[in-house]
Amino acid sequence: EISWGTQRRTMLRCIISLSLALGAAGYTLRPSAGLTQRKDARADTRKDARAEDTRMGPFDFLAFGQAAASHILLKDSGRARFIKSQIESGEIKFEEAARSFSTCPSASKGGDLGAFARGAMVGPFDEWAYDPDTKVGELSIVNTQFGTHIVKLNKKA
């Protein structure tokens, strides 16, 4: 009889192997977006639609109990409020603003931080992400020791 721990390790090895093979073939495996083929840097409206899709994807079990968020990290809170208002008015998309203004390495991914467990982020950010009153898709401003974040919750835990 095979123990549950052995079965779990085997399943994780298979998932990791599959993810590596898909990555080498030009695909990305993301919670809530499922399996997507990577393309060049040109904007694709279908890609933007997938980024806004809050339906569960076939691989969401990998991030069970975790929140997912995107952010734009800035030094100045006044600038953060201004950029947030531009996003809310539709003058600029969140992902474009992240690429243009964020000082975080996640800027290259449109600010996407992916899924994370409770306690994995700095205190105020973690509290915001796991606050029951925070709604998916809602923009907020969170201040941490790293600066001011314009944050968007992509998935609730």
N, C-alpha and C. Protein backbone atom coordinates (compact mmCIF):
# COMPACT_ATOMS: atom_id res chain seq x y z
N GLU A 1 0.85 -1.19 0.00
CA GLU A 1 0.00 0.00 0.00
C GLU A 1 0.90 1.25 0.00
N ILE A 2 0.53 2.22 -0.84
CA ILE A 2 1.30 3.46 -0.96
C ILE A 2 0.70 4.50 -0.02
N SER A 3 1.56 5.16 0.74
CA SER A 3 1.08 6.16 1.69
C SER A 3 0.61 7.42 0.97
N TRP A 4 -0.22 8.19 1.65
CA TRP A 4 -0.73 9.45 1.09
C TRP A 4 0.42 10.42 0.81
N GLY A 5 1.42 10.45 1.66
CA GLY A 5 2.58 11.33 1.46
C GLY A 5 3.32 10.99 0.18
N THR A 6 3.50 9.70 -0.08
CA THR A 6 4.17 9.25 -1.30
C THR A 6 3.34 9.61 -2.54
N GLN A 7 2.04 9.42 -2.46
CA GLN A 7 1.15 9.78 -3.57
C GLN A 7 1.22 11.27 -3.85
N ARG A 8 1.23 12.07 -2.79
CA ARG A 8 1.29 13.52 -2.94
C ARG A 8 2.60 13.96 -3.60
N ARG A 9 3.71 13.39 -3.15
CA ARG A 9 5.02 13.73 -3.73
C ARG A 9 5.06 13.35 -5.21
N THR A 10 4.52 12.19 -5.54
CA THR A 10 4.50 11.73 -6.93
C THR A 10 3.65 12.67 -7.79
N MET A 11 2.50 13.07 -7.25
CA MET A 11 1.63 13.98 -7.98
C MET A 11 2.32 15.33 -8.18
N LEU A 12 2.99 15.85 -7.18
CA LEU A 12 3.71 17.12 -7.30
C LEU A 12 4.83 17.02 -8.33
N ARG A 13 5.55 15.90 -8.34
CA ARG A 13 6.61 15.71 -9.34
C ARG A 13 6.03 15.74 -10.75
N CYS A 14 4.88 15.10 -10.93
CA CYS A 14 4.22 15.08 -12.25
C CYS A 14 3.80 16.49 -12.66
N ILE A 15 3.24 17.23 -11.72
CA ILE A 15 2.80 18.60 -12.02
C ILE A 15 4.00 19.47 -12.38
N ILE A 16 5.08 19.35 -11.63
CA ILE A 16 6.29 20.14 -11.91
C ILE A 16 6.85 19.75 -13.27
N SER A 17 6.93 18.47 -13.57
CA SER A 17 7.44 18.01 -14.86
C SER A 17 6.57 18.54 -16.00
N LEU A 18 5.26 18.47 -15.82
CA LEU A 18 4.33 18.97 -16.83
C LEU A 18 4.52 20.47 -17.03
N SER A 19 4.64 21.22 -15.93
CA SER A 19 4.84 22.66 -16.02
C SER A 19 6.13 23.00 -16.75
N LEU A 20 7.21 22.30 -16.45
CA LEU A 20 8.49 22.54 -17.13
C LEU A 20 8.40 22.22 -18.62
N ALA A 21 7.75 21.11 -18.94
CA ALA A 21 7.61 20.73 -20.35
C ALA A 21 6.75 21.75 -21.11
N LEU A 22 5.66 22.19 -20.49
CA LEU A 22 4.80 23.19 -21.12
C LEU A 22 5.54 24.51 -21.30
N GLY A 23 6.33 24.90 -20.29
CA GLY A 23 7.10 26.13 -20.38
C GLY A 23 8.10 26.08 -21.51
N ALA A 24 8.76 24.95 -21.68
CA ALA A 24 9.73 24.79 -22.76
C ALA A 24 9.05 24.84 -24.13
N ALA A 25 7.78 24.44 -24.18
CA ALA A 25 7.04 24.44 -25.44
C ALA A 25 6.36 25.78 -25.70
N GLY A 26 6.55 26.76 -24.81
CA GLY A 26 5.98 28.08 -25.03
C GLY A 26 4.62 28.30 -24.42
N TYR A 27 4.25 27.51 -23.43
CA TYR A 27 2.96 27.67 -22.77
C TYR A 27 3.14 28.14 -21.34
N THR A 28 2.11 28.77 -20.79
CA THR A 28 2.11 29.22 -19.42
C THR A 28 0.94 28.57 -18.70
N LEU A 29 1.17 28.10 -17.49
CA LEU A 29 0.15 27.46 -16.67
C LEU A 29 -0.09 28.36 -15.47
N ARG A 30 -1.27 29.05 -15.43
CA ARG A 30 -1.56 29.99 -14.36
C ARG A 30 -2.92 29.71 -13.76
N PRO A 31 -3.06 29.82 -12.44
CA PRO A 31 -4.39 29.70 -11.83
C PRO A 31 -5.33 30.74 -12.40
N SER A 32 -6.57 30.39 -12.61
CA SER A 32 -7.64 31.23 -13.12
C SER A 32 -7.50 31.58 -14.59
N ALA A 33 -6.37 31.27 -15.22
CA ALA A 33 -6.23 31.53 -16.65
C ALA A 33 -6.07 30.21 -17.40
N GLY A 34 -5.73 29.15 -16.67
CA GLY A 34 -5.55 27.86 -17.30
C GLY A 34 -4.28 27.82 -18.13
N LEU A 35 -4.32 27.06 -19.18
CA LEU A 35 -3.17 26.88 -20.06
C LEU A 35 -3.26 27.88 -21.19
N THR A 36 -2.27 28.73 -21.32
CA THR A 36 -2.25 29.73 -22.39
C THR A 36 -0.92 29.67 -23.12
N GLN A 37 -0.98 29.93 -24.42
CA GLN A 37 0.25 29.94 -25.20
C GLN A 37 0.85 31.34 -25.14
N ARG A 38 2.16 31.40 -24.85
CA ARG A 38 2.85 32.68 -24.81
C ARG A 38 3.01 33.19 -26.22
N LYS A 39 2.86 34.51 -26.36
CA LYS A 39 3.04 35.15 -27.65
C LYS A 39 4.07 36.25 -27.50
N ASP A 40 4.30 36.97 -28.56
CA ASP A 40 5.25 38.08 -28.48
C ASP A 40 4.65 39.21 -27.67
N ALA A 41 5.38 40.31 -27.51
CA ALA A 41 5.00 41.39 -26.60
C ALA A 41 3.85 42.25 -27.12
N ARG A 42 3.41 42.04 -28.37
CA ARG A 42 2.31 42.86 -28.89
C ARG A 42 1.02 42.60 -28.11
N ALA A 43 0.24 43.66 -27.95
CA ALA A 43 -1.02 43.56 -27.19
C ALA A 43 -1.99 42.65 -27.93
N ASP A 44 -2.68 41.83 -27.18
CA ASP A 44 -3.68 40.93 -27.72
C ASP A 44 -4.93 41.10 -26.87
N THR A 45 -6.03 41.49 -27.50
CA THR A 45 -7.24 41.77 -26.73
C THR A 45 -7.77 40.52 -26.05
N ARG A 46 -7.56 39.35 -26.67
CA ARG A 46 -8.02 38.12 -26.02
C ARG A 46 -7.23 37.87 -24.75
N LYS A 47 -5.93 38.19 -24.74
CA LYS A 47 -5.10 38.03 -23.55
C LYS A 47 -5.61 38.94 -22.44
N ASP A 48 -5.96 40.19 -22.78
CA ASP A 48 -6.49 41.11 -21.79
C ASP A 48 -7.80 40.58 -21.21
N ALA A 49 -8.63 39.98 -22.06
CA ALA A 49 -9.89 39.43 -21.58
C ALA A 49 -9.64 38.28 -20.61
N ARG A 50 -8.64 37.43 -20.91
CA ARG A 50 -8.32 36.32 -20.00
C ARG A 50 -7.81 36.84 -18.67
N ALA A 51 -7.04 37.93 -18.70
CA ALA A 51 -6.49 38.49 -17.46
C ALA A 51 -7.61 38.98 -16.55
N GLU A 52 -8.71 39.46 -17.14
CA GLU A 52 -9.82 39.97 -16.35
C GLU A 52 -10.82 38.88 -15.97
N ASP A 53 -10.66 37.67 -16.52
CA ASP A 53 -11.59 36.58 -16.28
C ASP A 53 -11.43 36.07 -14.85
N THR A 54 -12.52 36.08 -14.09
CA THR A 54 -12.45 35.63 -12.70
C THR A 54 -13.01 34.22 -12.52
N ARG A 55 -13.38 33.54 -13.63
CA ARG A 55 -13.85 32.16 -13.52
C ARG A 55 -12.71 31.26 -13.11
N MET A 56 -13.03 30.15 -12.51
CA MET A 56 -12.00 29.20 -12.11
C MET A 56 -11.45 28.48 -13.32
N GLY A 57 -10.16 28.27 -13.33
CA GLY A 57 -9.50 27.53 -14.38
C GLY A 57 -9.25 26.10 -13.95
N PRO A 58 -8.82 25.26 -14.88
CA PRO A 58 -8.64 23.84 -14.55
C PRO A 58 -7.49 23.57 -13.57
N PHE A 59 -6.60 24.54 -13.37
CA PHE A 59 -5.46 24.33 -12.50
C PHE A 59 -5.54 25.14 -11.20
N ASP A 60 -6.72 25.66 -10.87
CA ASP A 60 -6.88 26.45 -9.66
C ASP A 60 -6.63 25.64 -8.39
N PHE A 61 -6.74 24.32 -8.47
CA PHE A 61 -6.48 23.51 -7.28
C PHE A 61 -5.05 23.69 -6.79
N LEU A 62 -4.14 24.12 -7.67
CA LEU A 62 -2.75 24.34 -7.27
C LEU A 62 -2.62 25.51 -6.31
N ALA A 63 -3.57 26.46 -6.37
CA ALA A 63 -3.53 27.65 -5.52
C ALA A 63 -4.69 27.65 -4.53
N PHE A 64 -5.18 26.49 -4.16
CA PHE A 64 -6.31 26.40 -3.24
C PHE A 64 -5.97 27.09 -1.92
N GLY A 65 -6.88 27.94 -1.44
CA GLY A 65 -6.70 28.63 -0.17
C GLY A 65 -5.75 29.82 -0.27
N GLN A 66 -5.36 30.19 -1.47
CA GLN A 66 -4.45 31.32 -1.65
C GLN A 66 -5.15 32.46 -2.37
N ALA A 67 -4.67 33.66 -2.12
CA ALA A 67 -5.15 34.84 -2.83
C ALA A 67 -4.19 35.11 -3.99
N ALA A 68 -4.65 35.85 -4.98
CA ALA A 68 -3.79 36.27 -6.08
C ALA A 68 -4.02 37.76 -6.30
N ALA A 69 -2.95 38.49 -6.57
CA ALA A 69 -3.08 39.94 -6.72
C ALA A 69 -2.06 40.47 -7.72
N SER A 70 -2.32 41.69 -8.16
CA SER A 70 -1.39 42.46 -8.99
C SER A 70 -1.16 43.77 -8.27
N HIS A 71 0.01 44.39 -8.51
CA HIS A 71 0.27 45.67 -7.86
C HIS A 71 1.18 46.55 -8.70
N ILE A 72 1.15 47.82 -8.38
CA ILE A 72 2.05 48.81 -8.96
C ILE A 72 2.74 49.46 -7.77
N LEU A 73 4.04 49.30 -7.66
CA LEU A 73 4.80 49.84 -6.53
C LEU A 73 5.37 51.20 -6.91
N LEU A 74 5.09 52.20 -6.06
CA LEU A 74 5.55 53.57 -6.28
C LEU A 74 6.15 54.12 -5.01
N LYS A 75 6.99 55.13 -5.13
CA LYS A 75 7.57 55.78 -3.96
C LYS A 75 6.65 56.86 -3.39
N ASP A 76 5.86 57.49 -4.27
CA ASP A 76 5.06 58.67 -3.91
C ASP A 76 3.58 58.32 -3.83
N SER A 77 2.94 58.58 -2.69
CA SER A 77 1.52 58.25 -2.54
C SER A 77 0.63 59.17 -3.38
N GLY A 78 1.06 60.41 -3.60
CA GLY A 78 0.28 61.32 -4.45
C GLY A 78 0.23 60.82 -5.89
N ARG A 79 1.36 60.35 -6.37
CA ARG A 79 1.41 59.80 -7.72
C ARG A 79 0.57 58.53 -7.80
N ALA A 80 0.60 57.73 -6.74
CA ALA A 80 -0.21 56.50 -6.70
C ALA A 80 -1.70 56.83 -6.82
N ARG A 81 -2.16 57.84 -6.09
CA ARG A 81 -3.58 58.23 -6.17
C ARG A 81 -3.93 58.71 -7.58
N PHE A 82 -3.01 59.46 -8.21
CA PHE A 82 -3.25 59.98 -9.56
C PHE A 82 -3.34 58.82 -10.56
N ILE A 83 -2.41 57.89 -10.51
CA ILE A 83 -2.41 56.75 -11.44
C ILE A 83 -3.64 55.88 -11.20
N LYS A 84 -4.01 55.68 -9.94
CA LYS A 84 -5.20 54.90 -9.61
C LYS A 84 -6.44 55.54 -10.23
N SER A 85 -6.54 56.86 -10.15
CA SER A 85 -7.70 57.55 -10.74
C SER A 85 -7.71 57.41 -12.26
N GLN A 86 -6.52 57.40 -12.90
CA GLN A 86 -6.45 57.20 -14.35
C GLN A 86 -6.91 55.79 -14.73
N ILE A 87 -6.55 54.81 -13.92
CA ILE A 87 -6.97 53.42 -14.18
C ILE A 87 -8.49 53.32 -14.02
N GLU A 88 -9.01 53.88 -12.94
CA GLU A 88 -10.45 53.80 -12.68
C GLU A 88 -11.28 54.52 -13.74
N SER A 89 -10.73 55.60 -14.32
CA SER A 89 -11.47 56.34 -15.35
C SER A 89 -11.32 55.71 -16.73
N GLY A 90 -10.45 54.70 -16.84
CA GLY A 90 -10.27 54.02 -18.12
C GLY A 90 -9.24 54.65 -19.04
N GLU A 91 -8.50 55.66 -18.55
CA GLU A 91 -7.49 56.32 -19.38
C GLU A 91 -6.31 55.39 -19.66
N ILE A 92 -6.02 54.49 -18.73
CA ILE A 92 -4.92 53.55 -18.89
C ILE A 92 -5.33 52.24 -18.23
N LYS A 93 -4.88 51.13 -18.80
CA LYS A 93 -5.17 49.82 -18.20
C LYS A 93 -4.18 49.56 -17.08
N PHE A 94 -4.61 48.75 -16.11
CA PHE A 94 -3.78 48.44 -14.95
C PHE A 94 -2.43 47.87 -15.38
N GLU A 95 -2.46 46.90 -16.29
CA GLU A 95 -1.23 46.24 -16.73
C GLU A 95 -0.27 47.22 -17.40
N GLU A 96 -0.81 48.13 -18.22
CA GLU A 96 0.02 49.14 -18.87
C GLU A 96 0.65 50.08 -17.85
N ALA A 97 -0.14 50.48 -16.86
CA ALA A 97 0.37 51.36 -15.80
C ALA A 97 1.48 50.66 -15.01
N ALA A 98 1.31 49.38 -14.74
CA ALA A 98 2.34 48.64 -14.01
C ALA A 98 3.64 48.60 -14.81
N ARG A 99 3.52 48.31 -16.10
CA ARG A 99 4.72 48.26 -16.94
C ARG A 99 5.42 49.62 -17.03
N SER A 100 4.64 50.69 -17.03
CA SER A 100 5.20 52.03 -17.20
C SER A 100 5.72 52.66 -15.91
N PHE A 101 5.05 52.41 -14.79
CA PHE A 101 5.35 53.18 -13.58
C PHE A 101 5.89 52.39 -12.40
N SER A 102 5.65 51.08 -12.33
CA SER A 102 6.03 50.31 -11.15
C SER A 102 7.54 50.16 -11.03
N THR A 103 8.03 50.21 -9.79
CA THR A 103 9.46 50.00 -9.51
C THR A 103 9.75 48.56 -9.10
N CYS A 104 8.73 47.71 -9.13
CA CYS A 104 8.89 46.30 -8.75
C CYS A 104 9.23 45.46 -9.98
N PRO A 105 10.02 44.40 -9.82
CA PRO A 105 10.31 43.51 -10.95
C PRO A 105 9.06 42.90 -11.58
N SER A 106 7.95 42.83 -10.83
CA SER A 106 6.71 42.28 -11.39
C SER A 106 6.12 43.19 -12.47
N ALA A 107 6.68 44.37 -12.65
CA ALA A 107 6.19 45.30 -13.68
C ALA A 107 6.22 44.65 -15.06
N SER A 108 7.23 43.83 -15.32
CA SER A 108 7.35 43.17 -16.62
C SER A 108 6.20 42.21 -16.89
N LYS A 109 5.50 41.78 -15.83
CA LYS A 109 4.35 40.89 -15.96
C LYS A 109 3.04 41.65 -15.74
N GLY A 110 3.06 42.95 -15.94
CA GLY A 110 1.86 43.75 -15.73
C GLY A 110 1.50 43.88 -14.27
N GLY A 111 2.48 43.67 -13.38
CA GLY A 111 2.24 43.77 -11.94
C GLY A 111 1.73 42.50 -11.30
N ASP A 112 1.55 41.45 -12.09
CA ASP A 112 0.99 40.19 -11.57
C ASP A 112 1.94 39.54 -10.57
N LEU A 113 1.44 39.32 -9.36
CA LEU A 113 2.22 38.65 -8.31
C LEU A 113 1.89 37.17 -8.21
N GLY A 114 0.87 36.73 -8.91
CA GLY A 114 0.46 35.34 -8.84
C GLY A 114 -0.27 35.05 -7.54
N ALA A 115 -0.38 33.77 -7.21
CA ALA A 115 -1.07 33.34 -5.99
C ALA A 115 -0.07 33.25 -4.84
N PHE A 116 -0.55 33.54 -3.65
CA PHE A 116 0.31 33.49 -2.46
C PHE A 116 -0.51 33.11 -1.24
N ALA A 117 0.14 32.44 -0.32
CA ALA A 117 -0.51 31.99 0.90
C ALA A 117 -0.55 33.12 1.93
N ARG A 118 -1.44 32.98 2.89
CA ARG A 118 -1.52 33.96 3.97
C ARG A 118 -0.17 34.01 4.70
N GLY A 119 0.32 35.23 4.92
CA GLY A 119 1.58 35.43 5.61
C GLY A 119 2.78 35.51 4.67
N ALA A 120 2.58 35.27 3.38
CA ALA A 120 3.70 35.30 2.44
C ALA A 120 4.09 36.72 2.04
N MET A 121 3.17 37.65 2.17
CA MET A 121 3.44 39.04 1.79
C MET A 121 3.68 39.88 3.05
N VAL A 122 4.20 41.07 2.84
CA VAL A 122 4.44 42.00 3.94
C VAL A 122 3.09 42.33 4.62
N GLY A 123 3.11 42.58 5.93
CA GLY A 123 1.91 42.73 6.76
C GLY A 123 0.72 43.46 6.17
N PRO A 124 0.83 44.77 5.86
CA PRO A 124 -0.34 45.50 5.36
C PRO A 124 -0.88 44.93 4.05
N PHE A 125 -0.01 44.47 3.18
CA PHE A 125 -0.42 43.89 1.90
C PHE A 125 -1.19 42.60 2.15
N ASP A 126 -0.67 41.77 3.03
CA ASP A 126 -1.30 40.49 3.37
C ASP A 126 -2.66 40.71 4.02
N GLU A 127 -2.74 41.68 4.93
CA GLU A 127 -4.01 41.98 5.59
C GLU A 127 -5.06 42.43 4.58
N TRP A 128 -4.65 43.27 3.61
CA TRP A 128 -5.57 43.73 2.57
C TRP A 128 -6.05 42.55 1.73
N ALA A 129 -5.12 41.69 1.30
CA ALA A 129 -5.47 40.58 0.41
C ALA A 129 -6.42 39.58 1.07
N TYR A 130 -6.26 39.37 2.36
CA TYR A 130 -7.08 38.38 3.06
C TYR A 130 -8.23 39.00 3.87
N ASP A 131 -8.45 40.30 3.70
CA ASP A 131 -9.57 40.97 4.36
C ASP A 131 -10.87 40.51 3.69
N PRO A 132 -11.85 40.05 4.46
CA PRO A 132 -13.11 39.59 3.87
C PRO A 132 -13.85 40.68 3.09
N ASP A 133 -13.58 41.96 3.40
CA ASP A 133 -14.26 43.05 2.71
C ASP A 133 -13.62 43.42 1.38
N THR A 134 -12.42 42.93 1.10
CA THR A 134 -11.75 43.22 -0.16
C THR A 134 -12.41 42.39 -1.26
N LYS A 135 -12.82 43.06 -2.33
CA LYS A 135 -13.52 42.38 -3.42
C LYS A 135 -12.58 42.13 -4.60
N VAL A 136 -12.80 41.04 -5.32
CA VAL A 136 -12.02 40.71 -6.51
C VAL A 136 -12.20 41.81 -7.55
N GLY A 137 -11.08 42.28 -8.11
CA GLY A 137 -11.11 43.32 -9.14
C GLY A 137 -11.05 44.74 -8.60
N GLU A 138 -11.24 44.90 -7.31
CA GLU A 138 -11.25 46.23 -6.68
C GLU A 138 -9.83 46.79 -6.57
N LEU A 139 -9.69 48.08 -6.88
CA LEU A 139 -8.40 48.76 -6.73
C LEU A 139 -8.33 49.42 -5.36
N SER A 140 -7.17 49.32 -4.73
CA SER A 140 -6.94 49.97 -3.44
C SER A 140 -5.51 50.48 -3.40
N ILE A 141 -5.23 51.28 -2.38
CA ILE A 141 -3.87 51.74 -2.15
C ILE A 141 -3.43 51.20 -0.79
N VAL A 142 -2.27 50.56 -0.77
CA VAL A 142 -1.72 49.98 0.46
C VAL A 142 -0.31 50.52 0.64
N ASN A 143 -0.03 51.02 1.85
CA ASN A 143 1.31 51.53 2.16
C ASN A 143 2.08 50.49 2.97
N THR A 144 3.32 50.23 2.53
CA THR A 144 4.21 49.31 3.24
C THR A 144 5.58 49.98 3.37
N GLN A 145 6.51 49.30 4.00
CA GLN A 145 7.86 49.84 4.12
C GLN A 145 8.57 49.95 2.77
N PHE A 146 8.04 49.27 1.73
CA PHE A 146 8.65 49.31 0.40
C PHE A 146 8.14 50.49 -0.43
N GLY A 147 7.02 51.06 -0.04
CA GLY A 147 6.44 52.18 -0.77
C GLY A 147 4.93 52.10 -0.78
N THR A 148 4.35 52.76 -1.76
CA THR A 148 2.90 52.79 -1.91
C THR A 148 2.52 51.86 -3.06
N HIS A 149 1.58 50.98 -2.81
CA HIS A 149 1.13 49.99 -3.80
C HIS A 149 -0.27 50.33 -4.26
N ILE A 150 -0.47 50.36 -5.57
CA ILE A 150 -1.83 50.32 -6.13
C ILE A 150 -2.07 48.84 -6.33
N VAL A 151 -3.08 48.30 -5.67
CA VAL A 151 -3.27 46.86 -5.66
C VAL A 151 -4.62 46.46 -6.25
N LYS A 152 -4.64 45.30 -6.87
CA LYS A 152 -5.88 44.75 -7.42
C LYS A 152 -5.93 43.27 -7.05
N LEU A 153 -7.00 42.85 -6.40
CA LEU A 153 -7.16 41.45 -6.02
C LEU A 153 -7.69 40.68 -7.23
N ASN A 154 -6.97 39.65 -7.63
CA ASN A 154 -7.36 38.85 -8.80
C ASN A 154 -8.10 37.59 -8.41
N LYS A 155 -7.89 37.11 -7.18
CA LYS A 155 -8.52 35.87 -6.72
C LYS A 155 -8.62 35.90 -5.21
N LYS A 156 -9.77 35.50 -4.70
CA LYS A 156 -9.97 35.39 -3.25
C LYS A 156 -9.56 34.01 -2.77
N ALA A 157 -9.09 33.94 -1.56
CA ALA A 157 -8.70 32.66 -0.97
C ALA A 157 -9.93 31.83 -0.67
